[in-house]
Amino acid sequence: MNPTKLSEKIQTYLKIKGLKITPENKLFIDAITQCLIVHLQTEAIVEVKTTGTANAQSGIGKIY
């Protein structure tokens, strides 16, 4: 997870929607993306269910 890439994607999407990216907006977006990624990395619970054999497994993951 890269907060810089996420921030850039959010800014691009907001520009497409007509929002001007001011220095204040950029700082806000950067702060939110940093907090979001840190929260996901430290607080999220990842549940993975797998099926198959030791040599051929597939699975589904959920993030809570």
N, C-alpha and C. Protein backbone atom coordinates (compact mmCIF):
# COMPACT_ATOMS: atom_id res chain seq x y z
N MET A 1 0.85 -1.18 0.00
CA MET A 1 0.00 0.00 0.00
C MET A 1 0.89 1.24 0.00
N ASN A 2 0.60 2.09 -0.93
CA ASN A 2 1.41 3.29 -1.10
C ASN A 2 0.52 4.53 -0.97
N PRO A 3 0.68 5.29 0.12
CA PRO A 3 -0.19 6.46 0.32
C PRO A 3 -0.01 7.53 -0.75
N THR A 4 1.18 7.64 -1.32
CA THR A 4 1.40 8.64 -2.37
C THR A 4 0.59 8.30 -3.61
N LYS A 5 0.63 7.03 -4.02
CA LYS A 5 -0.14 6.62 -5.19
C LYS A 5 -1.64 6.78 -4.95
N LEU A 6 -2.10 6.42 -3.75
CA LEU A 6 -3.52 6.57 -3.43
C LEU A 6 -3.92 8.04 -3.47
N SER A 7 -3.10 8.90 -2.89
CA SER A 7 -3.38 10.34 -2.90
C SER A 7 -3.47 10.87 -4.32
N GLU A 8 -2.54 10.44 -5.18
CA GLU A 8 -2.56 10.88 -6.58
C GLU A 8 -3.81 10.40 -7.30
N LYS A 9 -4.22 9.17 -7.05
CA LYS A 9 -5.43 8.65 -7.68
C LYS A 9 -6.66 9.41 -7.23
N ILE A 10 -6.74 9.72 -5.94
CA ILE A 10 -7.88 10.49 -5.42
C ILE A 10 -7.90 11.88 -6.04
N GLN A 11 -6.74 12.53 -6.10
CA GLN A 11 -6.68 13.86 -6.70
C GLN A 11 -7.09 13.84 -8.16
N THR A 12 -6.64 12.84 -8.90
CA THR A 12 -7.02 12.71 -10.30
C THR A 12 -8.52 12.55 -10.44
N TYR A 13 -9.11 11.69 -9.62
CA TYR A 13 -10.55 11.46 -9.68
C TYR A 13 -11.32 12.74 -9.33
N LEU A 14 -10.86 13.45 -8.31
CA LEU A 14 -11.54 14.69 -7.92
C LEU A 14 -11.43 15.76 -9.01
N LYS A 15 -10.27 15.81 -9.69
CA LYS A 15 -10.12 16.76 -10.81
C LYS A 15 -11.10 16.43 -11.93
N ILE A 16 -11.26 15.13 -12.21
CA ILE A 16 -12.21 14.71 -13.24
C ILE A 16 -13.62 15.15 -12.86
N LYS A 17 -13.93 15.12 -11.57
CA LYS A 17 -15.25 15.52 -11.09
C LYS A 17 -15.40 17.04 -10.98
N GLY A 18 -14.33 17.78 -11.28
CA GLY A 18 -14.42 19.23 -11.31
C GLY A 18 -13.87 19.96 -10.10
N LEU A 19 -13.29 19.25 -9.14
CA LEU A 19 -12.74 19.90 -7.96
C LEU A 19 -11.34 20.43 -8.26
N LYS A 20 -11.06 21.64 -7.82
CA LYS A 20 -9.73 22.20 -7.97
C LYS A 20 -8.88 21.72 -6.79
N ILE A 21 -7.66 21.29 -7.10
CA ILE A 21 -6.77 20.81 -6.04
C ILE A 21 -5.91 21.98 -5.57
N THR A 22 -6.29 22.55 -4.45
CA THR A 22 -5.54 23.65 -3.84
C THR A 22 -4.49 23.03 -2.92
N PRO A 23 -3.51 23.83 -2.49
CA PRO A 23 -2.53 23.28 -1.54
C PRO A 23 -3.19 22.71 -0.27
N GLU A 24 -4.25 23.37 0.19
CA GLU A 24 -4.95 22.88 1.38
C GLU A 24 -5.66 21.56 1.11
N ASN A 25 -6.31 21.45 -0.07
CA ASN A 25 -6.97 20.19 -0.43
C ASN A 25 -5.95 19.06 -0.53
N LYS A 26 -4.79 19.36 -1.13
CA LYS A 26 -3.76 18.34 -1.28
C LYS A 26 -3.28 17.86 0.09
N LEU A 27 -3.04 18.79 1.00
CA LEU A 27 -2.61 18.40 2.35
C LEU A 27 -3.67 17.55 3.04
N PHE A 28 -4.94 17.91 2.87
CA PHE A 28 -6.04 17.14 3.46
C PHE A 28 -6.08 15.73 2.88
N ILE A 29 -5.99 15.62 1.55
CA ILE A 29 -6.02 14.31 0.89
C ILE A 29 -4.83 13.47 1.33
N ASP A 30 -3.64 14.08 1.40
CA ASP A 30 -2.45 13.36 1.84
C ASP A 30 -2.62 12.83 3.27
N ALA A 31 -3.16 13.66 4.16
CA ALA A 31 -3.36 13.23 5.54
C ALA A 31 -4.35 12.09 5.64
N ILE A 32 -5.46 12.19 4.92
CA ILE A 32 -6.47 11.13 4.95
C ILE A 32 -5.91 9.82 4.41
N THR A 33 -5.16 9.88 3.31
CA THR A 33 -4.62 8.64 2.74
C THR A 33 -3.60 8.01 3.68
N GLN A 34 -2.76 8.82 4.31
CA GLN A 34 -1.79 8.29 5.28
C GLN A 34 -2.52 7.59 6.42
N CYS A 35 -3.52 8.25 6.99
CA CYS A 35 -4.27 7.67 8.11
C CYS A 35 -5.00 6.41 7.70
N LEU A 36 -5.60 6.41 6.53
CA LEU A 36 -6.35 5.25 6.05
C LEU A 36 -5.43 4.04 5.91
N ILE A 37 -4.29 4.23 5.29
CA ILE A 37 -3.38 3.11 5.07
C ILE A 37 -2.79 2.61 6.39
N VAL A 38 -2.40 3.51 7.27
CA VAL A 38 -1.88 3.08 8.57
C VAL A 38 -2.96 2.32 9.33
N HIS A 39 -4.19 2.80 9.29
CA HIS A 39 -5.29 2.12 9.96
C HIS A 39 -5.49 0.71 9.40
N LEU A 40 -5.51 0.59 8.09
CA LEU A 40 -5.69 -0.74 7.48
C LEU A 40 -4.53 -1.67 7.83
N GLN A 41 -3.31 -1.15 7.84
CA GLN A 41 -2.15 -1.99 8.13
C GLN A 41 -2.10 -2.43 9.59
N THR A 42 -2.61 -1.61 10.50
CA THR A 42 -2.47 -1.92 11.92
C THR A 42 -3.74 -2.47 12.56
N GLU A 43 -4.90 -2.14 12.03
CA GLU A 43 -6.15 -2.50 12.69
C GLU A 43 -7.01 -3.52 11.94
N ALA A 44 -6.77 -3.69 10.67
CA ALA A 44 -7.63 -4.57 9.88
C ALA A 44 -7.39 -6.04 10.23
N ILE A 45 -8.44 -6.80 10.19
CA ILE A 45 -8.36 -8.25 10.37
C ILE A 45 -8.56 -8.87 9.00
N VAL A 46 -7.62 -9.72 8.62
CA VAL A 46 -7.70 -10.37 7.32
C VAL A 46 -8.04 -11.84 7.55
N GLU A 47 -9.12 -12.27 6.95
CA GLU A 47 -9.56 -13.66 7.06
C GLU A 47 -9.39 -14.30 5.69
N VAL A 48 -8.65 -15.41 5.65
CA VAL A 48 -8.41 -16.10 4.38
C VAL A 48 -8.89 -17.54 4.52
N LYS A 49 -9.73 -17.96 3.59
CA LYS A 49 -10.20 -19.34 3.54
C LYS A 49 -9.63 -19.97 2.27
N THR A 50 -8.96 -21.11 2.44
CA THR A 50 -8.36 -21.78 1.29
C THR A 50 -8.95 -23.17 1.11
N THR A 51 -8.89 -23.63 -0.11
CA THR A 51 -9.30 -24.99 -0.44
C THR A 51 -8.25 -25.59 -1.36
N GLY A 52 -8.21 -26.89 -1.41
CA GLY A 52 -7.28 -27.56 -2.31
C GLY A 52 -6.23 -28.34 -1.56
N THR A 53 -5.22 -28.74 -2.29
CA THR A 53 -4.12 -29.52 -1.72
C THR A 53 -2.95 -28.60 -1.42
N ALA A 54 -1.91 -29.17 -0.82
CA ALA A 54 -0.72 -28.38 -0.49
C ALA A 54 -0.06 -27.79 -1.74
N ASN A 55 -0.19 -28.48 -2.85
CA ASN A 55 0.45 -28.01 -4.09
C ASN A 55 -0.46 -27.16 -4.97
N ALA A 56 -1.74 -27.19 -4.73
CA ALA A 56 -2.69 -26.45 -5.58
C ALA A 56 -3.81 -25.89 -4.72
N GLN A 57 -3.60 -24.69 -4.20
CA GLN A 57 -4.61 -24.08 -3.35
C GLN A 57 -5.20 -22.85 -4.01
N SER A 58 -6.44 -22.59 -3.67
CA SER A 58 -7.07 -21.33 -4.04
C SER A 58 -7.78 -20.83 -2.80
N GLY A 59 -8.06 -19.55 -2.78
CA GLY A 59 -8.69 -19.01 -1.58
C GLY A 59 -9.36 -17.68 -1.81
N ILE A 60 -10.07 -17.27 -0.78
CA ILE A 60 -10.78 -15.99 -0.77
C ILE A 60 -10.37 -15.26 0.50
N GLY A 61 -10.05 -13.99 0.36
CA GLY A 61 -9.69 -13.19 1.52
C GLY A 61 -10.70 -12.09 1.76
N LYS A 62 -10.95 -11.80 3.03
CA LYS A 62 -11.83 -10.70 3.42
C LYS A 62 -11.07 -9.81 4.40
N ILE A 63 -11.26 -8.53 4.27
CA ILE A 63 -10.65 -7.58 5.20
C ILE A 63 -11.78 -6.95 6.02
N TYR A 64 -11.63 -7.01 7.34
CA TYR A 64 -12.63 -6.43 8.24
C TYR A 64 -12.03 -5.25 8.96
